[in-house]
Every structure is written in C-alpha cells, then in structure tokens.
C-alpha cells in the first residue's frame, strides 16, 4: 500500500464527499447555509460590517435569540468575525471573512432571484391552487 501525502489525503476526502448522504459533513453544511436567517445575515453583511443592532433592524422578523444563534454558528464555521470594542455600551461588529464573502455571492444571488421572481411564483401558485382540487 503506497503512502499518501497530506494533500493527497485531503483530495481523496474531498472526492468522497457526497452531500446526498445524511451523514456526510457537506450535507450538514448545506443544512446550515440553506437556513433563511443564515442567508439573510450573510446577504446583509455582504456590503460591509454591521453592528448587532443594525443587523437586527435590517432583518425584519428575526428575534434576538435567533440572530445571536445564527451569528454564533456563522462565526464557528469561519464565515464571519466578531469584533468587540470596549465602550459603554459595548460595541460589537460583525464582518464576513473571505470565505463568507464567497458564500455571499451565492446567497445574495438567491435572495435577488426571490425578489425578482416572486410575482411569477405567486401567479404559478394561484394557477395551481385554482386548478388543483383540495386534498
């Protein structure tokens, strides 16, 4: 059996990822990044850093608990950084990392698609509901 270098082992592991398998870590990552709040937070931070309170105002409907959980999970995944500035009150800023900016390109595109095509989706729903008998 030939010895593999670390780079070869990483490449082999990358090839073996299969997001269709529930146990695959990429499946778990897709679950994380497909979350509505993750998408909105990442899109909100795409233009630049924001304070916690600014994020809360920008993202309508997010509870403080959900915003905090989302920010912590994104920080843990290396998608954003949290900077605390000692003051009264304490100032906390959030900013996307390079990895987070890369993801923001995709999630912002999905957000923009939803904003640009909702009328078409609504019309399709109405047609479907009118043509399909109730269950």
C-alpha atoms as a PDB file:
ATOM      1  CA  UNK A   1       0.000   0.000   0.000  1.00  0.00           C
ATOM      2  CA  UNK A   2       1.500   3.334  -1.082  1.00  0.00           C
ATOM      3  CA  UNK A   3       1.881   6.152   1.381  1.00  0.00           C
ATOM      4  CA  UNK A   4      -0.247   9.219   0.625  1.00  0.00           C
ATOM      5  CA  UNK A   5       0.810  12.787   1.252  1.00  0.00           C
ATOM      6  CA  UNK A   6      -1.411  15.068   3.320  1.00  0.00           C
ATOM      7  CA  UNK A   7      -2.510  16.865   0.138  1.00  0.00           C
ATOM      8  CA  UNK A   8      -3.428  13.544  -1.485  1.00  0.00           C
ATOM      9  CA  UNK A   9      -5.422  12.514   1.595  1.00  0.00           C
ATOM     10  CA  UNK A  10      -7.310  15.844   1.541  1.00  0.00           C
ATOM     11  CA  UNK A  11      -8.060  15.437  -2.169  1.00  0.00           C
ATOM     12  CA  UNK A  12      -9.275  11.876  -1.615  1.00  0.00           C
ATOM     13  CA  UNK A  13     -11.533  13.041   1.226  1.00  0.00           C
ATOM     14  CA  UNK A  14     -12.880  15.858  -0.956  1.00  0.00           C
ATOM     15  CA  UNK A  15     -13.715  13.418  -3.735  1.00  0.00           C
ATOM     16  CA  UNK A  16     -15.536  11.153  -1.300  1.00  0.00           C
ATOM     17  CA  UNK A  17     -17.874  13.895  -0.005  1.00  0.00           C
ATOM     18  CA  UNK A  18     -21.448  13.161  -1.004  1.00  0.00           C
ATOM     19  CA  UNK A  19     -23.998  15.736   0.131  1.00  0.00           C
ATOM     20  CA  UNK A  20     -26.819  13.313  -0.695  1.00  0.00           C
ATOM     21  CA  UNK A  21     -25.746  11.190   2.290  1.00  0.00           C
ATOM     22  CA  UNK A  22     -27.193  12.434   5.575  1.00  0.00           C
ATOM     23  CA  UNK A  23     -24.027  11.515   7.471  1.00  0.00           C
ATOM     24  CA  UNK A  24     -21.777  13.491   5.120  1.00  0.00           C
ATOM     25  CA  UNK A  25     -20.440  16.738   6.620  1.00  0.00           C
ATOM     26  CA  UNK A  26     -21.296  18.551   3.396  1.00  0.00           C
ATOM     27  CA  UNK A  27     -24.943  17.571   3.926  1.00  0.00           C
ATOM     28  CA  UNK A  28     -24.788  19.195   7.342  1.00  0.00           C
ATOM     29  CA  UNK A  29     -23.129  22.286   5.870  1.00  0.00           C
ATOM     30  CA  UNK A  30     -25.864  22.570   3.216  1.00  0.00           C
ATOM     31  CA  UNK A  31     -28.422  22.359   6.004  1.00  0.00           C
ATOM     32  CA  UNK A  32     -26.699  25.266   7.752  1.00  0.00           C
ATOM     33  CA  UNK A  33     -26.285  27.561   4.755  1.00  0.00           C
ATOM     34  CA  UNK A  34     -29.796  26.915   3.413  1.00  0.00           C
ATOM     35  CA  UNK A  35     -31.311  28.368   6.597  1.00  0.00           C
ATOM     36  CA  UNK A  36     -33.340  31.515   5.930  1.00  0.00           C
ATOM     37  CA  UNK A  37     -31.645  33.510   8.689  1.00  0.00           C
ATOM     38  CA  UNK A  38     -28.156  32.495   7.539  1.00  0.00           C
ATOM     39  CA  UNK A  39     -28.984  33.632   4.023  1.00  0.00           C
ATOM     40  CA  UNK A  40     -30.312  36.983   5.219  1.00  0.00           C
ATOM     41  CA  UNK A  41     -27.438  37.634   7.652  1.00  0.00           C
ATOM     42  CA  UNK A  42     -24.795  36.800   5.060  1.00  0.00           C
ATOM     43  CA  UNK A  43     -26.541  38.945   2.445  1.00  0.00           C
ATOM     44  CA  UNK A  44     -26.875  41.826   4.915  1.00  0.00           C
ATOM     45  CA  UNK A  45     -23.162  41.675   5.715  1.00  0.00           C
ATOM     46  CA  UNK A  46     -22.050  41.413   2.077  1.00  0.00           C
ATOM     47  CA  UNK A  47     -21.627  45.200   1.604  1.00  0.00           C
ATOM     48  CA  UNK A  48     -19.602  45.544   4.796  1.00  0.00           C
ATOM     49  CA  UNK A  49     -19.524  45.171   8.587  1.00  0.00           C
ATOM     50  CA  UNK A  50     -22.582  45.884  10.703  1.00  0.00           C
ATOM     51  CA  UNK A  51     -23.290  46.159  14.390  1.00  0.00           C
ATOM     52  CA  UNK A  52     -25.600  43.666  16.063  1.00  0.00           C
ATOM     53  CA  UNK A  53     -28.347  46.267  16.446  1.00  0.00           C
ATOM     54  CA  UNK A  54     -28.060  47.263  12.760  1.00  0.00           C
ATOM     55  CA  UNK A  55     -28.451  43.626  11.717  1.00  0.00           C
ATOM     56  CA  UNK A  56     -31.493  43.269  13.956  1.00  0.00           C
ATOM     57  CA  UNK A  57     -33.125  46.300  12.334  1.00  0.00           C
ATOM     58  CA  UNK A  58     -32.190  45.291   8.789  1.00  0.00           C
ATOM     59  CA  UNK A  59     -33.524  41.725   9.056  1.00  0.00           C
ATOM     60  CA  UNK A  60     -37.228  42.064   9.790  1.00  0.00           C
ATOM     61  CA  UNK A  61     -38.712  39.359  11.959  1.00  0.00           C
ATOM     62  CA  UNK A  62     -35.518  37.896  13.381  1.00  0.00           C
ATOM     63  CA  UNK A  63     -35.661  37.506  17.150  1.00  0.00           C
ATOM     64  CA  UNK A  64     -32.624  38.485  19.229  1.00  0.00           C
ATOM     65  CA  UNK A  65     -32.196  34.821  20.206  1.00  0.00           C
ATOM     66  CA  UNK A  66     -32.258  33.613  16.583  1.00  0.00           C
ATOM     67  CA  UNK A  67     -29.923  36.391  15.444  1.00  0.00           C
ATOM     68  CA  UNK A  68     -27.447  35.523  18.190  1.00  0.00           C
ATOM     69  CA  UNK A  69     -27.600  31.791  17.375  1.00  0.00           C
ATOM     70  CA  UNK A  70     -27.144  32.475  13.669  1.00  0.00           C
ATOM     71  CA  UNK A  71     -24.188  34.804  14.231  1.00  0.00           C
ATOM     72  CA  UNK A  72     -22.505  32.300  16.548  1.00  0.00           C
ATOM     73  CA  UNK A  73     -22.920  29.458  14.065  1.00  0.00           C
ATOM     74  CA  UNK A  74     -21.524  31.591  11.229  1.00  0.00           C
ATOM     75  CA  UNK A  75     -18.562  32.605  13.379  1.00  0.00           C
ATOM     76  CA  UNK A  76     -17.931  28.965  14.317  1.00  0.00           C
ATOM     77  CA  UNK A  77     -17.986  27.988  10.645  1.00  0.00           C
ATOM     78  CA  UNK A  78     -15.434  30.684   9.802  1.00  0.00           C
ATOM     79  CA  UNK A  79     -17.859  32.745   7.723  1.00  0.00           C
ATOM     80  CA  UNK A  80     -17.767  35.894   9.830  1.00  0.00           C
ATOM     81  CA  UNK A  81     -15.724  37.579  12.500  1.00  0.00           C
ATOM     82  CA  UNK A  82     -16.983  39.265  15.638  1.00  0.00           C
ATOM     83  CA  UNK A  83     -15.130  42.318  16.892  1.00  0.00           C
ATOM     84  CA  UNK A  84     -15.851  43.659  20.379  1.00  0.00           C
ATOM     85  CA  UNK A  85     -14.900  47.268  21.097  1.00  0.00           C
ATOM     86  CA  UNK A  86     -14.893  48.116  24.806  1.00  0.00           C
ATOM     87  CA  UNK A  87     -17.202  51.063  25.377  1.00  0.00           C
ATOM     88  CA  UNK A  88     -20.404  51.849  27.210  1.00  0.00           C
ATOM     89  CA  UNK A  89     -22.389  50.100  25.896  1.00  0.00           C
ATOM     90  CA  UNK A  90     -20.055  47.532  24.375  1.00  0.00           C
ATOM     91  CA  UNK A  91     -19.850  47.788  20.588  1.00  0.00           C
ATOM     92  CA  UNK A  92     -19.960  44.513  18.658  1.00  0.00           C
ATOM     93  CA  UNK A  93     -19.353  44.472  14.906  1.00  0.00           C
ATOM     94  CA  UNK A  94     -19.770  41.540  12.533  1.00  0.00           C
ATOM     95  CA  UNK A  95     -17.933  41.187   9.239  1.00  0.00           C
ATOM     96  CA  UNK A  96     -17.729  38.455   6.634  1.00  0.00           C
ATOM     97  CA  UNK A  97     -14.448  36.601   6.231  1.00  0.00           C
ATOM     98  CA  UNK A  98     -13.142  35.864   2.719  1.00  0.00           C
ATOM     99  CA  UNK A  99     -14.944  32.505   2.956  1.00  0.00           C
ATOM    100  CA  UNK A 100     -18.128  34.331   3.989  1.00  0.00           C
ATOM    101  CA  UNK A 101     -17.811  36.767   1.072  1.00  0.00           C
ATOM    102  CA  UNK A 102     -17.506  33.810  -1.272  1.00  0.00           C
ATOM    103  CA  UNK A 103     -20.743  32.350   0.116  1.00  0.00           C
ATOM    104  CA  UNK A 104     -22.388  35.792  -0.004  1.00  0.00           C
ATOM    105  CA  UNK A 105     -22.068  35.828  -3.788  1.00  0.00           C
ATOM    106  CA  UNK A 106     -24.294  32.768  -3.973  1.00  0.00           C
ATOM    107  CA  UNK A 107     -26.763  33.614  -1.227  1.00  0.00           C
ATOM    108  CA  UNK A 108     -27.199  37.205  -2.390  1.00  0.00           C
ATOM    109  CA  UNK A 109     -27.931  35.877  -5.883  1.00  0.00           C
ATOM    110  CA  UNK A 110     -30.617  33.581  -4.448  1.00  0.00           C
ATOM    111  CA  UNK A 111     -32.102  36.479  -2.440  1.00  0.00           C
ATOM    112  CA  UNK A 112     -32.111  38.678  -5.543  1.00  0.00           C
ATOM    113  CA  UNK A 113     -33.725  35.883  -7.575  1.00  0.00           C
ATOM    114  CA  UNK A 114     -36.504  35.558  -4.982  1.00  0.00           C
ATOM    115  CA  UNK A 115     -37.094  39.324  -5.022  1.00  0.00           C
ATOM    116  CA  UNK A 116     -37.121  39.465  -8.842  1.00  0.00           C
ATOM    117  CA  UNK A 117     -39.300  36.399  -9.468  1.00  0.00           C
ATOM    118  CA  UNK A 118     -41.786  36.354  -6.623  1.00  0.00           C
ATOM    119  CA  UNK A 119     -44.626  37.676  -8.784  1.00  0.00           C
ATOM    120  CA  UNK A 120     -44.134  34.768 -11.189  1.00  0.00           C
ATOM    121  CA  UNK A 121     -44.077  32.265  -8.335  1.00  0.00           C
ATOM    122  CA  UNK A 122     -47.185  33.821  -6.765  1.00  0.00           C
ATOM    123  CA  UNK A 123     -49.006  33.629 -10.118  1.00  0.00           C
ATOM    124  CA  UNK A 124     -47.982  29.973 -10.536  1.00  0.00           C
ATOM    125  CA  UNK A 125     -49.240  29.203  -7.022  1.00  0.00           C
ATOM    126  CA  UNK A 126     -52.572  30.867  -7.749  1.00  0.00           C
ATOM    127  CA  UNK A 127     -52.964  28.919 -11.026  1.00  0.00           C
ATOM    128  CA  UNK A 128     -52.058  25.674  -9.308  1.00  0.00           C
ATOM    129  CA  UNK A 129     -54.463  26.302  -6.423  1.00  0.00           C
ATOM    130  CA  UNK A 130     -57.301  27.188  -8.850  1.00  0.00           C
ATOM    131  CA  UNK A 131     -56.741  24.048 -10.981  1.00  0.00           C
ATOM    132  CA  UNK A 132     -55.976  21.546  -8.242  1.00  0.00           C
ATOM    133  CA  UNK A 133     -58.798  20.201  -6.081  1.00  0.00           C
ATOM    134  CA  UNK A 134     -58.203  20.457  -2.340  1.00  0.00           C
ATOM    135  CA  UNK A 135     -56.751  17.455  -0.523  1.00  0.00           C
END
